[in-house]
N, C-alpha and C. Protein backbone atom coordinates (compact mmCIF):
# COMPACT_ATOMS: atom_id res chain seq x y z
N MET A 1 0.85 -1.14 0.12
CA MET A 1 -0.02 0.15 -0.11
C MET A 1 0.87 1.33 -0.05
N PHE A 2 0.59 2.14 -0.75
CA PHE A 2 1.31 3.32 -0.83
C PHE A 2 1.21 4.34 0.33
N ASN A 3 2.01 4.91 0.84
CA ASN A 3 1.59 6.23 1.59
C ASN A 3 1.45 7.45 0.75
N SER A 4 0.99 8.47 1.71
CA SER A 4 0.56 9.77 0.92
C SER A 4 1.83 10.30 0.42
N ASN A 5 2.85 10.42 0.85
CA ASN A 5 4.25 11.05 0.27
C ASN A 5 4.48 10.25 -1.07
N LEU A 6 4.37 8.90 -0.93
CA LEU A 6 4.67 8.14 -2.45
C LEU A 6 3.66 8.57 -3.40
N ARG A 7 2.44 8.45 -3.07
CA ARG A 7 1.22 8.79 -3.89
C ARG A 7 1.74 10.20 -4.60
N GLY A 8 1.86 11.21 -3.56
CA GLY A 8 1.90 12.61 -4.12
C GLY A 8 3.24 12.51 -5.20
N PHE A 9 4.29 11.86 -4.82
CA PHE A 9 5.55 11.74 -5.56
C PHE A 9 4.93 11.13 -7.04
N MET A 10 4.37 10.19 -7.04
CA MET A 10 3.98 9.44 -8.31
C MET A 10 2.86 10.37 -8.97
N LEU A 11 2.18 10.97 -8.26
CA LEU A 11 1.10 12.05 -9.00
C LEU A 11 2.02 13.21 -9.78
N LYS A 12 2.83 13.57 -9.18
CA LYS A 12 3.66 14.78 -9.71
C LYS A 12 4.58 14.28 -10.97
N LYS A 13 5.09 12.82 -10.84
CA LYS A 13 5.76 12.30 -11.86
C LYS A 13 4.84 11.92 -13.07
N ILE A 14 3.95 11.69 -12.98
CA ILE A 14 2.74 11.36 -13.99
C ILE A 14 2.46 12.70 -14.53
N LEU A 15 2.31 13.73 -13.80
CA LEU A 15 1.67 14.97 -14.45
C LEU A 15 2.91 15.45 -15.20
N PHE A 16 4.08 15.47 -14.74
CA PHE A 16 5.24 15.81 -15.43
C PHE A 16 5.46 15.19 -16.83
N LEU A 17 5.32 14.04 -16.84
CA LEU A 17 5.41 13.12 -17.98
C LEU A 17 4.29 13.36 -18.98
N ALA A 18 2.99 13.65 -18.47
CA ALA A 18 2.02 14.09 -19.24
C ALA A 18 2.41 15.67 -19.85
N THR A 19 2.73 16.42 -19.21
CA THR A 19 3.17 17.65 -19.62
C THR A 19 4.26 17.72 -20.72
N ILE A 20 5.10 16.93 -20.57
CA ILE A 20 6.14 16.66 -21.56
C ILE A 20 5.67 16.05 -22.75
N PHE A 21 4.68 15.02 -22.72
CA PHE A 21 3.91 14.48 -23.80
C PHE A 21 3.25 15.38 -24.56
N MET A 22 2.25 16.35 -23.60
CA MET A 22 1.67 16.98 -24.53
C MET A 22 2.35 18.23 -25.14
N LEU A 23 3.36 18.69 -24.64
CA LEU A 23 4.21 19.62 -25.41
C LEU A 23 5.03 19.08 -26.44
N ALA A 24 5.35 17.88 -26.24
CA ALA A 24 6.11 17.41 -27.48
C ALA A 24 5.04 17.03 -28.65
N SER A 25 3.90 16.87 -28.34
CA SER A 25 3.01 16.26 -29.27
C SER A 25 2.22 17.52 -29.93
N CYS A 26 2.10 18.64 -29.24
CA CYS A 26 1.56 19.98 -30.00
C CYS A 26 2.43 20.48 -31.26
N GLN A 27 2.20 20.07 -32.23
CA GLN A 27 2.96 20.17 -33.67
C GLN A 27 2.75 21.71 -33.94
N SER A 28 1.65 22.16 -33.77
CA SER A 28 1.33 23.44 -34.07
C SER A 28 1.74 24.75 -33.16
N LYS A 29 2.29 24.34 -32.19
CA LYS A 29 2.68 25.35 -31.29
C LYS A 29 4.33 25.12 -31.03
N THR A 30 4.79 26.26 -30.92
CA THR A 30 6.23 26.01 -30.90
C THR A 30 6.54 26.45 -29.25
N VAL A 31 7.28 25.73 -28.70
CA VAL A 31 7.66 25.72 -27.37
C VAL A 31 8.90 26.59 -27.10
N THR A 32 8.52 27.71 -26.43
CA THR A 32 9.60 28.59 -25.97
C THR A 32 10.73 28.21 -25.14
N SER A 33 11.85 28.56 -25.24
CA SER A 33 12.69 28.29 -24.25
C SER A 33 12.37 28.67 -22.75
N GLU A 34 11.59 29.75 -22.74
CA GLU A 34 10.82 30.13 -21.29
C GLU A 34 10.13 28.93 -20.56
N GLU A 35 9.14 28.51 -21.71
CA GLU A 35 8.10 27.44 -21.20
C GLU A 35 8.92 26.14 -21.07
N LYS A 36 9.90 26.02 -21.66
CA LYS A 36 10.72 24.74 -21.58
C LYS A 36 11.47 24.53 -20.14
N LEU A 37 11.80 26.03 -19.68
CA LEU A 37 12.69 25.93 -18.39
C LEU A 37 11.60 25.77 -17.15
N LYS A 38 10.47 26.60 -17.43
CA LYS A 38 9.23 26.32 -16.34
C LYS A 38 9.00 24.98 -16.28
N VAL A 39 9.02 24.04 -17.39
CA VAL A 39 8.45 22.75 -17.10
C VAL A 39 9.73 22.06 -16.26
N GLU A 40 10.83 22.29 -16.62
CA GLU A 40 12.04 21.66 -16.15
C GLU A 40 11.99 22.00 -14.46
N ASP A 41 11.83 23.17 -14.20
CA ASP A 41 11.89 23.64 -12.89
C ASP A 41 10.78 22.89 -12.17
N GLN A 42 9.58 22.72 -12.71
CA GLN A 42 8.46 21.81 -12.16
C GLN A 42 8.92 20.61 -11.84
N ALA A 43 9.58 19.88 -12.83
CA ALA A 43 9.93 18.61 -12.58
C ALA A 43 11.00 18.57 -11.52
N ALA A 44 12.19 19.39 -11.32
CA ALA A 44 12.93 19.57 -10.46
C ALA A 44 12.29 19.34 -9.06
N GLU A 45 11.13 20.13 -8.87
CA GLU A 45 10.45 20.31 -7.65
C GLU A 45 9.81 18.92 -7.28
N ALA A 46 9.38 18.18 -8.42
CA ALA A 46 8.66 17.03 -8.32
C ALA A 46 9.35 15.99 -7.72
N TYR A 47 10.64 16.02 -7.97
CA TYR A 47 11.67 14.96 -7.78
C TYR A 47 12.52 15.23 -6.43
N GLN A 48 12.53 14.09 -5.56
CA GLN A 48 13.37 14.31 -4.33
C GLN A 48 14.76 13.62 -4.49
N THR A 49 15.64 14.40 -4.70
CA THR A 49 17.19 13.91 -4.78
C THR A 49 17.65 13.04 -3.53
N ILE A 50 18.04 11.77 -3.36
CA ILE A 50 18.65 11.30 -2.46
C ILE A 50 20.00 10.89 -2.34
N GLU A 51 21.03 11.49 -1.49
CA GLU A 51 22.22 11.43 -1.66
C GLU A 51 22.76 10.21 -0.60
N GLY A 52 23.12 9.33 -1.53
CA GLY A 52 23.86 8.26 -0.73
C GLY A 52 22.83 7.08 -0.22
N GLU A 53 23.57 5.87 0.10
CA GLU A 53 22.80 4.77 0.53
C GLU A 53 22.25 5.15 1.92
N GLU A 54 23.11 5.91 2.78
CA GLU A 54 22.74 6.27 4.25
C GLU A 54 21.55 6.92 4.24
N GLU A 55 21.28 8.01 3.25
CA GLU A 55 19.96 8.62 3.35
C GLU A 55 18.95 7.84 2.87
N ALA A 56 19.18 7.23 1.79
CA ALA A 56 17.99 6.18 1.26
C ALA A 56 17.73 4.99 2.44
N ALA A 57 18.57 4.62 3.23
CA ALA A 57 18.18 3.81 4.35
C ALA A 57 17.42 4.37 5.21
N LYS A 58 17.71 5.73 5.72
CA LYS A 58 16.95 6.46 6.44
C LYS A 58 15.67 6.77 6.25
N MET A 59 15.33 6.95 4.75
CA MET A 59 14.01 7.14 4.27
C MET A 59 13.13 5.97 4.27
N ASN A 60 13.90 4.79 3.99
CA ASN A 60 13.23 3.50 3.95
C ASN A 60 12.73 3.15 5.16
N GLN A 61 13.67 3.55 6.48
CA GLN A 61 13.08 3.09 7.68
C GLN A 61 12.02 4.04 8.28
N GLN A 62 12.00 5.18 7.81
CA GLN A 62 10.67 6.22 8.13
C GLN A 62 9.41 5.76 7.37
N GLN A 63 9.64 5.18 6.05
CA GLN A 63 8.64 4.41 5.52
C GLN A 63 8.01 3.27 6.19
N ASP A 64 9.04 2.48 6.78
CA ASP A 64 8.56 1.29 7.62
C ASP A 64 7.88 1.64 8.72
N VAL A 65 8.29 2.88 9.42
CA VAL A 65 7.63 3.16 10.49
C VAL A 65 6.27 3.74 10.29
N GLN A 66 6.04 4.44 9.18
CA GLN A 66 4.85 5.11 8.86
C GLN A 66 3.59 4.08 8.19
N VAL A 67 4.08 3.14 7.56
CA VAL A 67 3.26 2.13 6.82
C VAL A 67 3.56 0.77 7.72
N GLN A 68 2.89 0.59 8.82
CA GLN A 68 2.97 -0.54 9.38
C GLN A 68 1.84 -1.33 9.18
N GLU A 69 1.86 -2.11 7.94
CA GLU A 69 0.81 -3.04 7.63
C GLU A 69 0.86 -4.26 8.39
N ILE A 70 -0.48 -4.71 8.62
CA ILE A 70 -0.57 -5.96 9.29
C ILE A 70 -1.40 -6.86 8.23
N GLU A 71 -0.73 -7.86 7.91
CA GLU A 71 -1.16 -8.83 6.99
C GLU A 71 -2.34 -9.95 7.66
N VAL A 72 -3.54 -9.57 7.48
CA VAL A 72 -4.47 -10.28 8.21
C VAL A 72 -5.51 -11.25 7.44
N GLN A 73 -5.44 -12.48 7.89
CA GLN A 73 -6.26 -13.52 7.15
C GLN A 73 -7.58 -13.32 7.63
N ASP A 74 -8.50 -13.52 6.85
CA ASP A 74 -10.05 -13.30 7.14
C ASP A 74 -10.59 -14.62 7.54
N ARG A 75 -10.38 -15.74 7.72
CA ARG A 75 -11.06 -16.97 8.08
C ARG A 75 -10.00 -17.92 8.70
N ILE A 76 -11.01 -18.61 9.69
CA ILE A 76 -10.32 -19.66 10.40
C ILE A 76 -11.34 -21.01 10.07
N PHE A 77 -10.59 -22.09 10.23
CA PHE A 77 -11.38 -23.55 10.01
C PHE A 77 -11.54 -24.12 11.35
N PHE A 78 -12.46 -24.97 11.20
CA PHE A 78 -12.81 -25.87 12.38
C PHE A 78 -12.82 -27.36 12.00
N SER A 79 -12.63 -28.25 13.10
CA SER A 79 -12.91 -29.31 12.94
C SER A 79 -14.31 -29.94 12.91
N TYR A 80 -14.38 -31.27 12.35
CA TYR A 80 -15.87 -31.52 11.93
C TYR A 80 -16.82 -31.57 13.27
N ASP A 81 -17.80 -31.19 13.44
CA ASP A 81 -18.82 -31.03 14.35
C ASP A 81 -18.19 -30.27 15.57
N SER A 82 -17.43 -29.23 15.40
CA SER A 82 -16.70 -28.47 16.93
C SER A 82 -16.85 -26.99 16.52
N SER A 83 -16.92 -26.22 17.47
CA SER A 83 -16.67 -24.75 17.58
C SER A 83 -15.29 -24.60 18.38
N ASP A 84 -14.42 -25.42 18.54
CA ASP A 84 -13.40 -25.16 19.29
C ASP A 84 -12.25 -24.60 18.36
N LEU A 85 -11.50 -23.62 18.95
CA LEU A 85 -10.24 -23.02 18.09
C LEU A 85 -9.08 -23.82 18.25
N SER A 86 -8.60 -24.25 17.13
CA SER A 86 -7.18 -24.70 17.01
C SER A 86 -6.00 -23.96 17.31
N ASP A 87 -4.76 -24.19 17.63
CA ASP A 87 -3.68 -23.19 17.70
C ASP A 87 -3.51 -22.20 16.59
N GLU A 88 -3.66 -22.79 15.27
CA GLU A 88 -3.50 -21.98 14.12
C GLU A 88 -4.49 -20.90 14.12
N ALA A 89 -5.93 -21.31 14.55
CA ALA A 89 -6.97 -20.42 14.30
C ALA A 89 -6.79 -19.07 15.57
N LYS A 90 -6.15 -19.51 16.57
CA LYS A 90 -5.85 -18.33 17.50
C LYS A 90 -4.71 -17.54 17.08
N LYS A 91 -3.66 -17.99 16.22
CA LYS A 91 -2.70 -17.28 15.82
C LYS A 91 -3.31 -16.26 14.77
N ILE A 92 -4.34 -16.72 14.04
CA ILE A 92 -4.86 -15.81 13.07
C ILE A 92 -5.78 -14.73 13.81
N LEU A 93 -6.50 -15.09 14.70
CA LEU A 93 -7.26 -14.39 15.53
C LEU A 93 -6.62 -13.30 16.33
N ASP A 94 -5.38 -13.76 16.68
CA ASP A 94 -4.30 -12.75 17.38
C ASP A 94 -3.93 -11.68 16.46
N THR A 95 -3.72 -11.97 15.27
CA THR A 95 -3.49 -10.96 14.14
C THR A 95 -4.47 -10.19 13.95
N GLN A 96 -5.72 -10.72 13.86
CA GLN A 96 -7.10 -9.72 13.79
C GLN A 96 -7.23 -8.86 14.84
N VAL A 97 -6.76 -9.13 16.07
CA VAL A 97 -7.00 -8.53 17.07
C VAL A 97 -5.76 -7.30 17.04
N SER A 98 -4.85 -7.56 16.69
CA SER A 98 -3.80 -6.56 16.63
C SER A 98 -4.21 -5.28 15.28
N TRP A 99 -4.62 -6.16 14.49
CA TRP A 99 -5.23 -5.05 13.40
C TRP A 99 -6.34 -4.34 13.86
N LEU A 100 -7.47 -4.95 14.43
CA LEU A 100 -8.60 -4.30 14.91
C LEU A 100 -8.04 -3.24 15.98
N LYS A 101 -7.16 -3.46 16.83
CA LYS A 101 -6.65 -2.61 17.71
C LYS A 101 -6.11 -1.33 17.26
N SER A 102 -5.44 -1.45 16.13
CA SER A 102 -4.97 -0.44 15.44
C SER A 102 -5.65 0.60 14.66
N ASP A 103 -7.06 0.25 14.56
CA ASP A 103 -8.13 1.18 13.70
C ASP A 103 -9.42 0.75 14.59
N THR A 104 -9.59 1.72 15.61
CA THR A 104 -10.75 1.36 16.62
C THR A 104 -12.05 1.78 15.93
N ALA A 105 -11.89 2.44 14.47
CA ALA A 105 -13.10 2.55 14.01
C ALA A 105 -13.95 1.40 13.42
N VAL A 106 -13.13 0.65 12.93
CA VAL A 106 -13.40 -0.62 12.07
C VAL A 106 -14.55 -1.74 12.91
N ARG A 107 -15.60 -1.91 12.17
CA ARG A 107 -16.54 -2.85 12.84
C ARG A 107 -16.55 -4.07 11.74
N ILE A 108 -16.92 -5.22 12.43
CA ILE A 108 -16.82 -6.40 11.73
C ILE A 108 -17.81 -7.23 11.68
N THR A 109 -18.14 -8.20 11.14
CA THR A 109 -19.21 -9.26 11.18
C THR A 109 -18.51 -10.61 10.90
N VAL A 110 -18.60 -11.49 11.94
CA VAL A 110 -18.09 -12.96 12.01
C VAL A 110 -19.27 -13.79 11.30
N GLU A 111 -18.85 -14.20 10.21
CA GLU A 111 -19.95 -15.27 9.57
C GLU A 111 -19.47 -16.80 10.15
N GLY A 112 -20.55 -17.46 10.36
CA GLY A 112 -20.06 -18.76 10.89
C GLY A 112 -20.63 -19.95 9.68
N HIS A 113 -19.85 -20.78 9.33
CA HIS A 113 -20.32 -21.41 8.12
C HIS A 113 -19.98 -23.11 8.64
N CYS A 114 -20.64 -24.03 7.98
CA CYS A 114 -20.63 -25.49 8.15
C CYS A 114 -20.40 -26.15 6.73
N ASP A 115 -20.19 -27.62 7.09
CA ASP A 115 -20.12 -28.27 5.80
C ASP A 115 -21.51 -28.79 5.42
N GLU A 116 -21.84 -29.45 4.27
CA GLU A 116 -23.08 -29.67 4.05
C GLU A 116 -23.65 -31.00 4.83
N ARG A 117 -23.07 -31.44 5.59
CA ARG A 117 -23.52 -32.87 6.20
C ARG A 117 -24.49 -32.25 7.50
N GLY A 118 -25.21 -32.87 7.95
CA GLY A 118 -26.55 -32.57 8.92
C GLY A 118 -27.64 -31.68 8.45
N THR A 119 -28.59 -31.38 9.37
CA THR A 119 -29.65 -30.87 8.99
C THR A 119 -29.40 -29.24 9.02
N ARG A 120 -30.30 -28.52 8.18
CA ARG A 120 -30.12 -27.16 8.12
C ARG A 120 -30.19 -26.38 9.33
N GLU A 121 -30.99 -26.79 10.40
CA GLU A 121 -31.17 -26.40 11.55
C GLU A 121 -29.91 -26.55 12.32
N TYR A 122 -29.44 -27.71 12.52
CA TYR A 122 -28.38 -28.13 13.15
C TYR A 122 -27.10 -27.34 12.75
N ASN A 123 -27.07 -27.23 11.46
CA ASN A 123 -25.88 -26.22 10.85
C ASN A 123 -25.85 -24.86 11.19
N ILE A 124 -27.19 -24.28 11.15
CA ILE A 124 -27.08 -22.89 11.54
C ILE A 124 -26.95 -22.71 12.93
N ALA A 125 -27.28 -23.50 13.88
CA ALA A 125 -26.87 -23.54 15.28
C ALA A 125 -25.37 -23.67 15.52
N LEU A 126 -24.70 -24.45 14.63
CA LEU A 126 -23.35 -24.64 14.89
C LEU A 126 -22.64 -23.78 14.17
N GLY A 127 -22.87 -23.12 13.18
CA GLY A 127 -22.40 -21.89 12.78
C GLY A 127 -22.45 -20.68 13.52
N GLU A 128 -23.49 -20.42 14.28
CA GLU A 128 -23.67 -19.66 15.12
C GLU A 128 -22.69 -19.57 16.47
N LYS A 129 -22.42 -21.02 16.77
CA LYS A 129 -21.44 -21.27 17.85
C LYS A 129 -20.22 -20.75 17.37
N ARG A 130 -19.63 -21.26 16.15
CA ARG A 130 -18.45 -20.97 15.44
C ARG A 130 -18.14 -19.49 15.44
N ALA A 131 -19.35 -18.77 15.09
CA ALA A 131 -19.19 -17.32 15.01
C ALA A 131 -19.07 -16.73 16.42
N ASN A 132 -20.01 -17.13 17.44
CA ASN A 132 -19.64 -16.74 18.74
C ASN A 132 -18.33 -17.16 19.53
N THR A 133 -17.95 -18.33 19.15
CA THR A 133 -16.49 -18.55 19.39
C THR A 133 -15.62 -17.51 19.16
N VAL A 134 -15.66 -17.13 17.89
CA VAL A 134 -14.68 -16.10 17.39
C VAL A 134 -14.79 -14.86 17.90
N LYS A 135 -16.05 -14.51 18.22
CA LYS A 135 -16.55 -13.15 18.86
C LYS A 135 -15.74 -13.12 20.25
N ASN A 136 -16.14 -14.15 20.98
CA ASN A 136 -15.72 -14.26 22.25
C ASN A 136 -14.09 -14.25 22.47
N TYR A 137 -13.46 -14.87 21.66
CA TYR A 137 -12.09 -14.71 21.62
C TYR A 137 -11.57 -13.43 21.37
N LEU A 138 -12.05 -12.56 20.39
CA LEU A 138 -11.81 -11.16 20.06
C LEU A 138 -12.04 -10.29 21.34
N VAL A 139 -13.18 -10.42 21.96
CA VAL A 139 -13.40 -9.58 23.13
C VAL A 139 -12.64 -10.00 24.30
N ALA A 140 -12.40 -11.27 24.54
CA ALA A 140 -11.49 -11.65 25.68
C ALA A 140 -10.04 -10.93 25.62
N ASN A 141 -9.83 -10.63 24.04
CA ASN A 141 -8.38 -10.17 23.88
C ASN A 141 -8.52 -8.50 23.68
N GLY A 142 -9.39 -7.91 24.05
CA GLY A 142 -9.45 -6.46 24.16
C GLY A 142 -10.39 -5.66 22.90
N ILE A 143 -11.07 -6.48 22.22
CA ILE A 143 -12.06 -5.82 21.45
C ILE A 143 -13.26 -5.59 21.62
N ASP A 144 -13.68 -4.43 21.43
CA ASP A 144 -14.80 -3.97 22.29
C ASP A 144 -16.11 -4.73 21.63
N VAL A 145 -17.08 -5.07 22.10
CA VAL A 145 -18.02 -6.17 21.91
C VAL A 145 -19.08 -5.56 20.70
N VAL A 146 -19.22 -4.27 20.92
CA VAL A 146 -20.23 -3.41 20.08
C VAL A 146 -19.64 -3.28 18.76
N ARG A 147 -18.32 -3.67 18.58
CA ARG A 147 -17.93 -3.50 17.28
C ARG A 147 -17.82 -4.89 16.40
N ILE A 148 -18.48 -5.85 17.10
CA ILE A 148 -18.47 -7.15 16.49
C ILE A 148 -20.10 -7.66 16.27
N LYS A 149 -20.43 -7.89 15.11
CA LYS A 149 -21.65 -8.79 14.75
C LYS A 149 -21.49 -10.07 14.40
N ILE A 150 -22.41 -10.78 14.69
CA ILE A 150 -22.15 -12.23 14.05
C ILE A 150 -23.42 -12.79 13.29
N VAL A 151 -23.21 -13.60 12.52
CA VAL A 151 -24.40 -14.28 11.59
C VAL A 151 -23.98 -15.65 11.31
N SER A 152 -25.03 -16.30 11.12
CA SER A 152 -24.54 -17.93 10.85
C SER A 152 -25.38 -18.31 9.53
N TYR A 153 -24.68 -18.88 8.72
CA TYR A 153 -25.05 -19.28 7.33
C TYR A 153 -25.25 -20.82 7.21
N GLY A 154 -24.97 -21.48 8.19
CA GLY A 154 -24.98 -22.74 8.36
C GLY A 154 -24.11 -23.58 7.05
N LYS A 155 -24.89 -24.30 6.49
CA LYS A 155 -24.37 -24.87 5.03
C LYS A 155 -24.90 -24.31 3.86
N GLU A 156 -25.65 -23.10 4.07
CA GLU A 156 -26.21 -22.53 3.11
C GLU A 156 -25.10 -21.66 1.98
N ARG A 157 -24.09 -21.42 2.67
CA ARG A 157 -23.12 -20.62 1.53
C ARG A 157 -21.67 -21.44 1.56
N PRO A 158 -21.60 -22.45 0.99
CA PRO A 158 -20.30 -23.16 0.86
C PRO A 158 -19.32 -22.38 0.10
N ALA A 159 -18.13 -22.39 0.50
CA ALA A 159 -16.85 -21.59 -0.35
C ALA A 159 -16.56 -22.60 -1.35
N TYR A 160 -16.78 -23.87 -1.29
CA TYR A 160 -16.42 -24.88 -2.29
C TYR A 160 -17.40 -25.82 -2.31
N PHE A 161 -17.44 -26.65 -3.59
CA PHE A 161 -18.57 -27.34 -3.78
C PHE A 161 -18.05 -28.75 -4.19
N GLY A 162 -18.79 -29.71 -3.46
CA GLY A 162 -18.14 -31.15 -3.89
C GLY A 162 -18.41 -31.95 -2.40
N ALA A 163 -18.23 -33.17 -2.35
CA ALA A 163 -18.45 -33.97 -1.19
C ALA A 163 -17.08 -34.88 -0.79
N THR A 164 -15.89 -34.23 -0.90
CA THR A 164 -14.83 -34.91 -0.23
C THR A 164 -14.33 -34.24 1.23
N ASP A 165 -13.64 -35.00 1.85
CA ASP A 165 -13.23 -34.55 3.09
C ASP A 165 -12.41 -33.11 2.93
N GLU A 166 -11.67 -32.97 1.78
CA GLU A 166 -10.92 -31.59 1.82
C GLU A 166 -11.95 -30.53 1.58
N ILE A 167 -12.85 -30.72 0.75
CA ILE A 167 -13.80 -29.69 0.52
C ILE A 167 -14.75 -29.35 1.79
N PHE A 168 -14.85 -30.37 2.52
CA PHE A 168 -15.71 -30.35 4.00
C PHE A 168 -15.03 -29.52 4.49
N SER A 169 -13.63 -29.73 4.86
CA SER A 169 -12.87 -29.16 5.93
C SER A 169 -12.80 -27.60 5.45
N LYS A 170 -12.64 -27.25 4.17
CA LYS A 170 -12.72 -25.83 3.74
C LYS A 170 -13.99 -25.09 4.01
N ASN A 171 -15.09 -25.64 4.15
CA ASN A 171 -16.45 -25.14 4.38
C ASN A 171 -16.74 -24.89 5.97
N ARG A 172 -15.95 -25.64 6.66
CA ARG A 172 -16.19 -25.56 8.24
C ARG A 172 -15.32 -24.37 8.48
N ARG A 173 -15.86 -23.26 8.68
CA ARG A 173 -14.98 -21.82 8.76
C ARG A 173 -15.95 -20.96 9.61
N ALA A 174 -15.01 -19.69 9.71
CA ALA A 174 -15.73 -18.54 10.42
C ALA A 174 -14.80 -17.62 9.59
N VAL A 175 -15.47 -16.62 9.09
CA VAL A 175 -15.19 -15.52 8.20
C VAL A 175 -15.37 -14.25 8.70
N THR A 176 -14.26 -13.28 8.76
CA THR A 176 -14.50 -12.11 9.39
C THR A 176 -14.55 -11.11 8.28
N LEU A 177 -15.44 -10.33 8.15
CA LEU A 177 -15.59 -9.14 6.96
C LEU A 177 -15.61 -7.83 7.92
N ILE A 178 -15.11 -7.10 7.42
CA ILE A 178 -15.18 -5.51 7.70
C ILE A 178 -16.72 -5.07 7.21
N ASN A 179 -17.19 -4.39 7.91
CA ASN A 179 -18.63 -3.68 7.57
C ASN A 179 -18.39 -2.52 6.87
């Protein structure tokens, strides 16, 4: 993700190149040396010269501090007929907690899903248990309960279609969505 400084730099560079292209393609207009100097001055202002590797490293370090992105996975998976969190699921949810703490304005919905085995009613209840398990974990780790909604789709919205154990395991999930 670009930060605002980099976006501004890229925009200035694009505008500079567009200006040069337009001036070069205007065959009916002669570009005076004064206009050419003006464009070159604007280009010089758009570029930031970096002197040496030390200065470049310093700028990169500042960028790293400014842009602290957290890669967040949006889903966790459950064992058959279970709403218990695995260690892997807890790691993913811990990352979600970190991300949610970094932006307190974000509200989420946790969807509970099941594989196609079992009745519709049973799977709606199990999907709700799964979504509540995720919600409770997030709340226990410092996320305000009012920021989290839950919904259960049971077996109604499979991510994958088929009747193999692998496909069933991919459909037994909780998905976190940003509202």
